[in-house]
N, C-alpha and C. Protein backbone atom coordinates (compact mmCIF):
# COMPACT_ATOMS: atom_id res chain seq x y z
N MET A 1 91.13 124.36 122.44
CA MET A 1 89.87 124.78 121.88
C MET A 1 90.32 123.33 120.70
N THR A 2 89.58 122.78 120.97
CA THR A 2 89.30 121.94 119.34
C THR A 2 88.97 122.17 118.64
N THR A 3 89.39 121.93 117.75
CA THR A 3 89.37 122.75 115.90
C THR A 3 88.19 121.49 115.74
N ARG A 4 86.86 122.01 114.93
CA ARG A 4 86.13 121.19 114.85
C ARG A 4 86.16 121.41 113.02
N TYR A 5 87.15 120.31 112.06
CA TYR A 5 86.35 120.28 110.53
C TYR A 5 85.30 119.59 110.16
N THR A 6 85.55 120.35 108.95
CA THR A 6 84.39 119.77 107.91
C THR A 6 84.98 118.31 106.74
N LEU A 7 83.96 117.77 106.18
CA LEU A 7 84.82 117.29 105.72
C LEU A 7 85.91 117.04 104.57
N PRO A 8 85.30 118.95 103.67
CA PRO A 8 85.95 119.35 102.36
C PRO A 8 87.10 119.83 103.43
N GLU A 9 87.99 119.44 105.32
CA GLU A 9 88.80 120.67 105.13
C GLU A 9 89.84 119.52 105.98
N CYS A 10 89.68 118.29 104.91
CA CYS A 10 90.80 116.67 105.30
C CYS A 10 91.82 117.09 105.05
N ASP A 11 92.26 118.05 104.09
CA ASP A 11 93.95 118.51 104.52
C ASP A 11 94.02 119.12 105.42
N ALA A 12 93.14 120.20 106.05
CA ALA A 12 93.96 120.42 107.59
C ALA A 12 94.02 119.71 108.13
N ALA A 13 93.13 118.78 108.62
CA ALA A 13 93.45 118.02 109.26
C ALA A 13 93.96 117.03 109.32
N ALA A 14 94.53 116.66 107.72
CA ALA A 14 95.89 115.72 107.75
C ALA A 14 96.65 116.47 108.33
N ALA A 15 96.77 117.71 108.11
CA ALA A 15 97.87 118.53 108.06
C ALA A 15 98.12 118.27 110.03
N ALA A 16 97.20 119.02 110.94
CA ALA A 16 96.78 118.78 112.34
C ALA A 16 97.42 117.41 112.73
N LEU A 17 97.23 115.83 111.85
CA LEU A 17 97.61 114.73 112.21
C LEU A 17 99.41 114.89 112.24
N HIS A 18 99.74 115.35 111.09
CA HIS A 18 101.21 115.58 110.59
C HIS A 18 101.82 115.73 111.96
N GLY A 19 101.56 117.28 112.60
CA GLY A 19 101.60 117.94 113.14
C GLY A 19 101.48 117.33 115.27
N GLY A 20 101.02 116.40 115.30
CA GLY A 20 100.88 115.82 116.44
C GLY A 20 99.80 115.35 117.17
N ALA A 21 98.98 116.03 116.49
CA ALA A 21 97.62 116.09 116.62
C ALA A 21 96.83 114.88 117.07
N VAL A 22 96.29 114.78 117.81
CA VAL A 22 95.15 113.54 118.35
C VAL A 22 93.49 113.99 117.91
N LEU A 23 93.15 113.07 116.35
CA LEU A 23 91.72 113.34 116.33
C LEU A 23 90.40 112.97 116.63
N ALA A 24 89.39 113.06 116.61
CA ALA A 24 88.14 111.93 116.66
C ALA A 24 87.80 112.15 115.03
N TYR A 25 87.15 111.09 114.65
CA TYR A 25 86.63 110.49 113.19
C TYR A 25 86.14 109.94 113.28
N PRO A 26 84.90 110.03 112.05
CA PRO A 26 84.08 108.74 111.56
C PRO A 26 84.23 107.65 111.35
N THR A 27 84.29 106.52 111.68
CA THR A 27 84.09 105.03 110.93
C THR A 27 82.96 104.61 110.31
N GLU A 28 82.88 103.32 110.28
CA GLU A 28 81.96 103.06 110.01
C GLU A 28 80.11 102.22 111.00
N ALA A 29 81.18 102.58 112.32
CA ALA A 29 79.73 102.56 113.13
C ALA A 29 80.38 103.14 114.49
N VAL A 30 81.81 103.92 114.57
CA VAL A 30 81.23 104.61 115.80
C VAL A 30 82.30 105.77 115.50
N TYR A 31 82.66 106.22 116.24
CA TYR A 31 83.92 107.45 115.98
C TYR A 31 85.09 107.08 116.39
N GLY A 32 86.26 106.96 115.76
CA GLY A 32 87.62 106.36 116.20
C GLY A 32 88.39 107.72 116.53
N LEU A 33 89.37 107.08 117.35
CA LEU A 33 90.46 107.89 117.95
C LEU A 33 91.65 107.88 116.91
N GLY A 34 92.05 108.95 116.44
CA GLY A 34 93.56 108.76 114.96
C GLY A 34 94.77 109.68 116.10
N CYS A 35 95.53 108.88 115.55
CA CYS A 35 96.90 110.12 115.59
C CYS A 35 97.76 109.44 114.08
N ASP A 36 99.30 110.28 113.98
CA ASP A 36 100.71 109.54 113.66
C ASP A 36 100.78 108.21 114.25
N PRO A 37 100.49 106.85 113.58
CA PRO A 37 100.92 105.75 114.74
C PRO A 37 102.56 105.52 114.58
N HIS A 38 103.06 106.53 114.20
CA HIS A 38 105.04 106.61 114.55
C HIS A 38 105.26 107.45 115.37
N ASP A 39 104.47 108.96 115.72
CA ASP A 39 103.96 109.82 116.28
C ASP A 39 104.38 109.36 117.96
N GLN A 40 105.31 108.75 118.94
CA GLN A 40 104.29 107.82 120.34
C GLN A 40 104.31 108.95 121.33
N ALA A 41 104.96 109.96 121.43
CA ALA A 41 104.10 111.26 121.53
C ALA A 41 102.53 111.54 121.71
N ALA A 42 102.35 111.87 120.23
CA ALA A 42 100.99 111.57 119.83
C ALA A 42 100.40 110.01 120.35
N PHE A 43 100.63 109.20 120.40
CA PHE A 43 100.47 108.07 120.53
C PHE A 43 99.53 108.04 122.49
N ASP A 44 101.02 107.91 122.62
CA ASP A 44 100.67 108.44 124.40
C ASP A 44 99.79 109.49 125.03
N ARG A 45 99.58 110.58 124.22
CA ARG A 45 98.41 111.19 124.42
C ARG A 45 97.07 110.48 124.05
N LEU A 46 97.04 109.79 122.83
CA LEU A 46 95.69 109.22 123.04
C LEU A 46 95.29 108.12 123.58
N PHE A 47 96.20 107.52 124.22
CA PHE A 47 96.00 106.52 125.36
C PHE A 47 95.74 107.16 126.43
N ALA A 48 96.40 108.36 126.87
CA ALA A 48 95.65 109.11 128.34
C ALA A 48 94.59 109.41 128.11
N LEU A 49 94.40 109.84 126.78
CA LEU A 49 92.58 110.27 126.75
C LEU A 49 91.78 109.08 127.16
N LYS A 50 92.19 108.01 126.60
CA LYS A 50 91.13 106.43 126.41
C LYS A 50 91.49 106.13 127.90
N GLN A 51 92.16 106.59 128.66
CA GLN A 51 92.62 105.99 130.16
C GLN A 51 92.51 104.37 129.52
N ARG A 52 93.39 104.23 128.79
CA ARG A 52 93.18 102.13 128.23
C ARG A 52 95.30 102.22 128.56
N PRO A 53 94.95 100.61 129.11
CA PRO A 53 95.92 99.98 128.98
C PRO A 53 97.40 100.19 127.89
N PRO A 54 98.22 100.65 128.43
CA PRO A 54 99.08 100.51 126.20
C PRO A 54 99.52 98.92 125.81
N THR A 55 99.09 98.48 127.15
CA THR A 55 99.47 96.45 126.42
C THR A 55 98.66 96.26 125.48
N GLN A 56 97.27 96.99 125.39
CA GLN A 56 96.05 96.65 124.48
C GLN A 56 95.99 96.79 123.01
N GLY A 57 97.01 97.96 122.77
CA GLY A 57 97.31 97.69 121.64
C GLY A 57 96.01 98.59 120.66
N VAL A 58 96.10 98.75 119.27
CA VAL A 58 95.11 99.49 118.47
C VAL A 58 95.95 98.91 116.72
N LEU A 59 94.39 98.88 116.33
CA LEU A 59 94.06 98.54 114.49
C LEU A 59 94.29 100.42 113.96
N LEU A 60 95.58 99.57 112.71
CA LEU A 60 95.34 100.55 111.98
C LEU A 60 94.36 101.20 110.87
N ILE A 61 94.05 101.84 110.11
CA ILE A 61 93.33 102.10 109.58
C ILE A 61 93.25 102.97 108.04
N ALA A 62 92.83 102.66 107.09
CA ALA A 62 93.96 103.49 105.55
C ALA A 62 92.58 103.09 104.71
N ALA A 63 92.73 104.38 103.19
CA ALA A 63 92.26 104.12 102.25
C ALA A 63 92.91 103.01 101.15
N ASP A 64 93.55 102.41 101.05
CA ASP A 64 93.98 101.19 99.99
C ASP A 64 95.03 100.65 101.29
N PHE A 65 95.24 99.19 100.27
CA PHE A 65 96.14 98.59 100.34
C PHE A 65 97.65 98.66 100.65
N ASP A 66 97.81 99.56 99.51
CA ASP A 66 99.27 100.37 99.40
C ASP A 66 100.02 100.94 101.33
N GLN A 67 98.16 101.20 101.66
CA GLN A 67 99.11 102.04 103.39
C GLN A 67 99.44 101.04 104.29
N VAL A 68 98.90 99.81 103.96
CA VAL A 68 99.11 99.17 105.24
C VAL A 68 99.80 97.87 104.61
N GLU A 69 100.52 97.60 103.33
CA GLU A 69 101.56 96.66 103.09
C GLU A 69 102.55 96.27 103.83
N ARG A 70 103.32 97.53 104.28
CA ARG A 70 104.78 97.49 104.78
C ARG A 70 104.35 97.19 106.31
N TYR A 71 103.26 97.22 106.42
CA TYR A 71 103.33 97.04 108.17
C TYR A 71 102.92 95.16 108.45
N ILE A 72 102.47 94.31 107.66
CA ILE A 72 102.41 92.97 107.06
C ILE A 72 103.70 92.15 106.94
N ASP A 73 103.96 91.44 107.77
CA ASP A 73 105.33 90.20 107.27
C ASP A 73 104.74 89.32 106.31
N LEU A 74 104.40 89.90 105.35
CA LEU A 74 104.36 89.28 103.62
C LEU A 74 104.59 87.81 104.35
N ALA A 75 106.02 87.51 104.19
CA ALA A 75 106.13 86.02 104.23
C ALA A 75 105.22 85.02 105.29
N GLN A 76 105.15 85.39 105.98
CA GLN A 76 103.97 84.52 106.65
C GLN A 76 102.54 84.89 106.22
N VAL A 77 102.39 84.94 105.37
CA VAL A 77 100.91 84.98 105.10
C VAL A 77 101.05 84.27 103.38
N SER A 78 99.87 83.09 103.54
CA SER A 78 99.96 82.82 101.99
C SER A 78 99.08 83.47 101.44
N ALA A 79 99.38 83.27 99.99
CA ALA A 79 98.54 83.85 99.24
C ALA A 79 96.95 83.68 98.96
N ALA A 80 96.83 82.84 99.54
CA ALA A 80 95.01 82.28 99.15
C ALA A 80 94.40 83.37 100.55
N VAL A 81 95.17 83.55 101.80
CA VAL A 81 94.62 84.57 103.07
C VAL A 81 94.71 85.56 102.06
N MET A 82 95.60 86.14 101.98
CA MET A 82 96.04 87.12 100.92
C MET A 82 95.01 87.77 99.83
N ALA A 83 94.64 86.50 99.08
CA ALA A 83 93.23 87.22 98.23
C ALA A 83 92.11 86.82 98.85
N GLN A 84 91.71 86.45 99.96
CA GLN A 84 90.24 86.58 100.86
C GLN A 84 90.83 87.86 101.29
N VAL A 85 91.57 88.20 101.71
CA VAL A 85 91.78 90.03 102.87
C VAL A 85 91.89 90.85 101.27
N LYS A 86 92.30 91.07 100.41
CA LYS A 86 92.16 91.68 99.39
C LYS A 86 90.48 91.70 98.78
N ALA A 87 89.41 90.61 98.88
CA ALA A 87 88.72 90.67 98.34
C ALA A 87 87.33 91.28 99.61
N SER A 88 88.26 90.85 100.64
CA SER A 88 87.22 91.64 101.69
C SER A 88 87.08 93.42 101.78
N TRP A 89 88.38 94.17 101.20
CA TRP A 89 89.03 95.13 101.24
C TRP A 89 88.79 96.12 100.41
N PRO A 90 88.18 97.74 100.12
CA PRO A 90 88.25 97.92 100.98
C PRO A 90 86.78 97.58 101.63
N GLY A 91 86.42 98.14 103.15
CA GLY A 91 85.32 96.86 103.45
C GLY A 91 85.55 96.93 104.86
N PRO A 92 84.42 96.79 106.08
CA PRO A 92 84.30 96.52 107.30
C PRO A 92 85.13 95.57 108.06
N ASN A 93 86.49 94.95 107.39
CA ASN A 93 86.79 94.02 107.90
C ASN A 93 88.17 94.16 108.23
N THR A 94 88.32 94.06 110.07
CA THR A 94 89.53 93.96 110.17
C THR A 94 90.70 92.80 110.08
N TRP A 95 91.87 92.33 109.78
CA TRP A 95 92.41 91.36 110.09
C TRP A 95 94.03 91.30 110.57
N ILE A 96 93.96 90.91 111.41
CA ILE A 96 94.97 90.72 112.54
C ILE A 96 96.49 89.77 111.82
N PHE A 97 97.26 90.25 111.88
CA PHE A 97 98.70 90.17 110.26
C PHE A 97 99.63 90.13 111.45
N PRO A 98 100.50 88.65 111.02
CA PRO A 98 102.04 88.99 111.62
C PRO A 98 102.81 90.41 111.34
N ARG A 99 103.03 91.02 111.99
CA ARG A 99 103.29 92.40 111.93
C ARG A 99 104.87 92.31 111.22
N SER A 100 105.66 93.10 110.45
CA SER A 100 106.55 93.24 110.16
C SER A 100 107.52 94.75 111.16
N ALA A 101 108.38 94.99 110.72
CA ALA A 101 109.01 95.66 111.77
C ALA A 101 109.05 97.10 111.40
N ALA A 102 107.73 97.67 110.33
CA ALA A 102 107.29 98.88 110.42
C ALA A 102 107.07 99.04 111.31
N VAL A 103 106.42 98.23 111.95
CA VAL A 103 105.19 98.81 113.12
C VAL A 103 105.94 99.20 114.20
N PRO A 104 105.57 100.36 114.86
CA PRO A 104 106.26 100.73 115.92
C PRO A 104 105.34 99.82 117.65
N ALA A 105 106.32 99.36 118.50
CA ALA A 105 105.80 98.74 119.47
C ALA A 105 104.79 99.27 119.96
N TRP A 106 104.45 100.28 120.14
CA TRP A 106 103.61 100.87 121.08
C TRP A 106 101.99 100.42 120.69
N VAL A 107 102.28 100.98 118.82
CA VAL A 107 101.13 100.63 118.25
C VAL A 107 100.36 98.99 118.47
N ALA A 108 101.66 97.88 118.62
CA ALA A 108 101.11 96.72 118.82
C ALA A 108 100.45 96.66 120.40
N GLY A 109 101.50 97.25 121.47
CA GLY A 109 100.90 96.40 122.72
C GLY A 109 101.43 95.44 123.14
N ALA A 110 100.81 94.34 123.89
CA ALA A 110 101.86 93.28 124.07
C ALA A 110 100.87 92.59 122.46
N HIS A 111 100.57 92.78 122.00
CA HIS A 111 100.59 91.52 120.74
C HIS A 111 101.24 91.21 119.87
N ALA A 112 101.32 90.07 119.40
CA ALA A 112 102.50 90.02 118.21
C ALA A 112 101.95 90.02 117.10
N GLY A 113 100.69 90.21 116.69
CA GLY A 113 100.14 90.27 115.32
C GLY A 113 99.82 92.16 115.51
N ILE A 114 99.48 92.73 113.91
CA ILE A 114 98.43 94.50 114.07
C ILE A 114 97.63 93.86 113.14
N ALA A 115 96.72 94.34 114.02
CA ALA A 115 95.04 94.46 113.21
C ALA A 115 94.83 95.84 111.99
N LEU A 116 94.56 95.56 110.91
CA LEU A 116 94.19 96.23 109.79
C LEU A 116 92.87 96.80 109.06
N ARG A 117 92.83 97.64 108.63
CA ARG A 117 91.59 97.64 107.84
C ARG A 117 91.76 98.63 106.87
N VAL A 118 91.29 98.22 105.19
CA VAL A 118 91.20 99.12 105.11
C VAL A 118 90.02 99.54 104.47
N THR A 119 89.09 100.82 104.73
CA THR A 119 88.25 101.47 105.12
C THR A 119 87.49 101.74 103.33
N ALA A 120 86.15 101.32 103.40
CA ALA A 120 85.27 101.60 102.58
C ALA A 120 84.52 102.82 102.93
N HIS A 121 84.55 103.20 103.91
CA HIS A 121 83.94 104.43 104.91
C HIS A 121 84.17 105.51 104.36
N ALA A 122 83.51 106.43 103.13
CA ALA A 122 84.34 107.63 102.67
C ALA A 122 84.91 108.87 103.12
N PRO A 123 84.66 108.74 104.74
CA PRO A 123 85.27 109.93 105.21
C PRO A 123 86.53 109.50 105.81
N ALA A 124 86.45 107.99 106.44
CA ALA A 124 87.91 107.96 107.10
C ALA A 124 88.56 107.45 106.36
N ALA A 125 88.15 107.51 104.80
CA ALA A 125 89.09 106.81 103.36
C ALA A 125 90.09 108.17 103.17
N ALA A 126 88.88 109.47 103.46
CA ALA A 126 90.02 110.82 102.30
C ALA A 126 90.15 111.24 103.83
N LEU A 127 89.92 111.53 105.36
CA LEU A 127 91.25 111.70 105.66
C LEU A 127 92.16 110.60 105.27
N CYS A 128 92.69 109.55 105.47
CA CYS A 128 93.66 108.88 105.44
C CYS A 128 94.46 109.02 103.65
N ARG A 129 93.58 109.74 103.43
CA ARG A 129 93.87 110.06 101.88
C ARG A 129 94.66 111.18 102.07
N ALA A 130 94.35 112.07 102.84
CA ALA A 130 94.73 113.66 102.53
C ALA A 130 95.69 113.35 103.45
N TYR A 131 95.72 112.54 104.73
CA TYR A 131 97.13 112.24 105.39
C TYR A 131 98.36 111.74 105.09
N GLY A 132 98.03 110.48 103.55
CA GLY A 132 99.02 110.38 103.04
C GLY A 132 99.32 108.65 103.54
N GLY A 133 98.28 108.20 104.61
CA GLY A 133 98.95 106.83 105.17
C GLY A 133 98.05 106.31 106.17
N ALA A 134 98.42 105.09 106.37
CA ALA A 134 97.49 104.40 107.69
C ALA A 134 97.23 105.38 108.52
N LEU A 135 96.25 105.26 109.63
CA LEU A 135 96.54 106.28 111.10
C LEU A 135 95.59 105.52 112.24
N VAL A 136 96.44 105.45 113.34
CA VAL A 136 95.44 104.43 114.40
C VAL A 136 94.38 104.78 114.47
N SER A 137 93.79 103.71 115.00
CA SER A 137 91.79 103.74 114.99
C SER A 137 91.38 103.16 116.03
N THR A 138 90.81 103.47 117.10
CA THR A 138 90.58 102.69 117.50
C THR A 138 89.79 103.93 118.59
N SER A 139 88.68 102.74 119.38
CA SER A 139 87.05 103.90 119.58
C SER A 139 86.98 105.41 120.28
N ALA A 140 86.87 106.19 120.11
CA ALA A 140 86.25 107.29 120.39
C ALA A 140 85.54 107.56 122.17
N ASN A 141 86.19 106.96 123.09
CA ASN A 141 85.57 106.78 124.22
C ASN A 141 86.64 106.51 125.66
N PRO A 142 86.57 107.08 127.06
CA PRO A 142 87.21 106.45 128.11
C PRO A 142 86.56 104.98 127.93
N HIS A 143 88.27 104.69 128.49
CA HIS A 143 87.45 103.25 128.18
C HIS A 143 87.03 102.75 129.42
N GLY A 144 86.20 101.54 129.00
CA GLY A 144 84.80 101.22 129.94
C GLY A 144 83.46 101.46 129.69
N LEU A 145 83.48 103.04 128.42
CA LEU A 145 82.12 103.28 128.08
C LEU A 145 81.96 103.09 126.86
N PRO A 146 80.59 103.75 126.53
CA PRO A 146 80.49 103.21 125.40
C PRO A 146 80.83 103.95 124.11
N PRO A 147 81.43 103.31 123.00
CA PRO A 147 81.93 104.33 121.82
C PRO A 147 81.08 105.64 121.15
N ALA A 148 81.77 107.08 121.23
CA ALA A 148 81.16 108.27 120.40
C ALA A 148 80.53 107.93 119.53
N ARG A 149 79.05 108.33 118.68
CA ARG A 149 78.39 108.04 118.08
C ARG A 149 78.36 109.27 116.85
N SER A 150 78.85 110.30 117.29
CA SER A 150 78.96 111.59 117.02
C SER A 150 79.89 112.49 117.18
N ALA A 151 80.14 113.46 116.09
CA ALA A 151 81.13 114.28 117.16
C ALA A 151 81.06 114.84 118.50
N GLN A 152 79.63 115.44 118.76
CA GLN A 152 79.01 116.01 119.47
C GLN A 152 79.50 115.03 121.13
N MET A 153 79.56 113.24 120.29
CA MET A 153 80.04 112.92 122.20
C MET A 153 80.82 112.75 121.96
N ALA A 154 81.97 113.24 121.25
CA ALA A 154 83.29 112.72 121.37
C ALA A 154 83.68 114.10 122.31
N LEU A 155 83.57 115.07 121.39
CA LEU A 155 84.01 116.46 122.23
C LEU A 155 83.22 116.33 123.65
N ASP A 156 81.82 116.24 124.22
CA ASP A 156 81.75 115.82 125.47
C ASP A 156 82.67 114.75 126.03
N TYR A 157 82.87 114.33 125.43
CA TYR A 157 84.00 112.94 126.32
C TYR A 157 85.37 113.83 126.52
N PHE A 158 85.93 114.05 125.77
CA PHE A 158 86.68 114.70 125.58
C PHE A 158 87.80 116.43 125.65
N GLY A 159 86.58 117.02 125.33
CA GLY A 159 86.53 118.43 125.27
C GLY A 159 87.28 119.29 125.02
N ASP A 160 88.43 120.33 125.73
CA ASP A 160 89.84 120.43 124.90
C ASP A 160 90.56 119.54 124.86
N ALA A 161 90.47 118.66 125.31
CA ALA A 161 92.11 117.90 125.68
C ALA A 161 92.53 116.39 124.13
N LEU A 162 91.07 116.94 123.24
CA LEU A 162 90.49 116.78 121.57
C LEU A 162 91.41 117.98 121.04
N ASP A 163 92.17 117.78 120.38
CA ASP A 163 92.56 118.39 119.42
C ASP A 163 91.95 118.62 118.46
N GLY A 164 91.29 117.86 117.56
CA GLY A 164 90.18 118.55 116.60
C GLY A 164 89.04 117.20 116.34
N VAL A 165 88.34 117.05 115.89
CA VAL A 165 86.99 116.53 115.12
C VAL A 165 86.33 116.61 114.03
N LEU A 166 86.76 115.41 112.90
CA LEU A 166 86.57 115.86 111.76
C LEU A 166 84.79 114.99 111.85
N ASP A 167 84.02 116.14 111.63
CA ASP A 167 82.85 115.88 112.07
C ASP A 167 82.03 115.94 110.69
N GLY A 168 81.36 114.56 110.38
CA GLY A 168 80.88 113.95 109.37
C GLY A 168 80.43 112.46 109.70
N PRO A 169 79.97 111.83 109.08
CA PRO A 169 78.52 111.11 109.20
C PRO A 169 79.12 109.57 109.29
N LEU A 170 78.47 108.22 109.78
CA LEU A 170 79.02 107.49 110.39
C LEU A 170 78.50 106.23 108.91
N GLY A 171 79.33 105.31 108.95
CA GLY A 171 78.97 104.44 107.71
C GLY A 171 77.79 103.56 107.86
N GLY A 172 77.04 103.90 109.09
CA GLY A 172 76.13 102.74 108.37
C GLY A 172 75.72 101.70 109.90
N GLN A 173 76.94 100.98 110.11
CA GLN A 173 77.27 99.34 110.70
C GLN A 173 77.13 99.91 112.17
N GLU A 174 76.11 98.76 112.52
CA GLU A 174 75.91 98.88 113.95
C GLU A 174 76.41 98.43 114.62
N ARG A 175 77.62 97.52 114.34
CA ARG A 175 79.12 97.19 115.61
C ARG A 175 80.10 97.60 114.81
N PRO A 176 80.74 97.21 116.06
CA PRO A 176 82.21 97.54 115.22
C PRO A 176 82.53 96.91 114.44
N THR A 177 83.70 96.69 113.36
CA THR A 177 84.20 95.62 112.64
C THR A 177 84.38 94.93 112.99
N MET A 178 83.75 93.67 112.49
CA MET A 178 84.71 92.08 112.28
C MET A 178 86.43 91.71 112.56
N ILE A 179 86.43 91.61 113.34
CA ILE A 179 87.94 90.81 113.16
C ILE A 179 87.99 89.69 112.96
N ARG A 180 89.19 89.15 111.54
CA ARG A 180 89.24 87.79 111.94
C ARG A 180 91.66 87.77 111.97
N ASP A 181 91.66 86.14 111.93
CA ASP A 181 92.97 86.37 111.96
C ASP A 181 93.36 85.72 110.79
N ALA A 182 94.71 86.51 110.08
CA ALA A 182 94.92 86.46 109.03
C ALA A 182 95.65 85.44 108.64
N ILE A 183 96.18 84.63 109.57
CA ILE A 183 97.36 83.33 109.33
C ILE A 183 95.46 81.86 109.66
N THR A 184 95.18 82.42 110.68
CA THR A 184 94.07 80.79 111.06
C THR A 184 92.59 81.14 110.50
N GLY A 185 92.52 82.60 109.80
CA GLY A 185 90.87 82.63 109.54
C GLY A 185 90.38 82.52 111.22
N ALA A 186 90.25 82.27 112.01
CA ALA A 186 89.38 82.51 113.26
C ALA A 186 88.71 84.04 113.56
N ILE A 187 87.57 83.58 113.66
CA ILE A 187 86.81 85.49 113.63
C ILE A 187 87.17 86.07 115.40
N ILE A 188 88.19 86.78 115.72
CA ILE A 188 88.02 87.17 116.90
C ILE A 188 87.35 87.84 118.08
N ARG A 189 86.59 88.85 116.31
CA ARG A 189 84.88 89.40 116.50
C ARG A 189 84.11 89.62 115.88
N ALA A 190 83.01 89.16 116.38
CA ALA A 190 81.94 89.06 115.23
C ALA A 190 81.29 90.03 115.32
């Protein structure tokens, strides 16, 4: 049975993530599916739920820069670009960086880089803080279907195959966050 967590229960939700759970949680625009990025079994379950090809990769979401810094090959990113990135965080901005050796191969999929976001959305940030690090974040929907925009919609999609859902409000964005390349500055998704 899927456990429903309220926002004051972020510590319990984080403990479930540490135990290998796959959870749905609110982000800026849609519900996301998340797990420990270093737990390949949990990651594989998440991709099976989404029915998504493993080559696609996912982004990692965090509460602060310290939670994502280790995933970036900082030697390949200019100080000017890092200043621009840090000025956009926390906020609804996802950046693709050259990845460091700390990024598990399954997280990046067939991509050379890693997509990272430091969120300003209080529920998602609280979950990352309670967890103590960055979490996998991909839209809560089976591949090809619209993203879940509520806890109930996530439950309708995945039922008891989902370990838990953190029930909370979305962040008010109409669309998923912008994705930009941290090397070229190119907008990948507007």
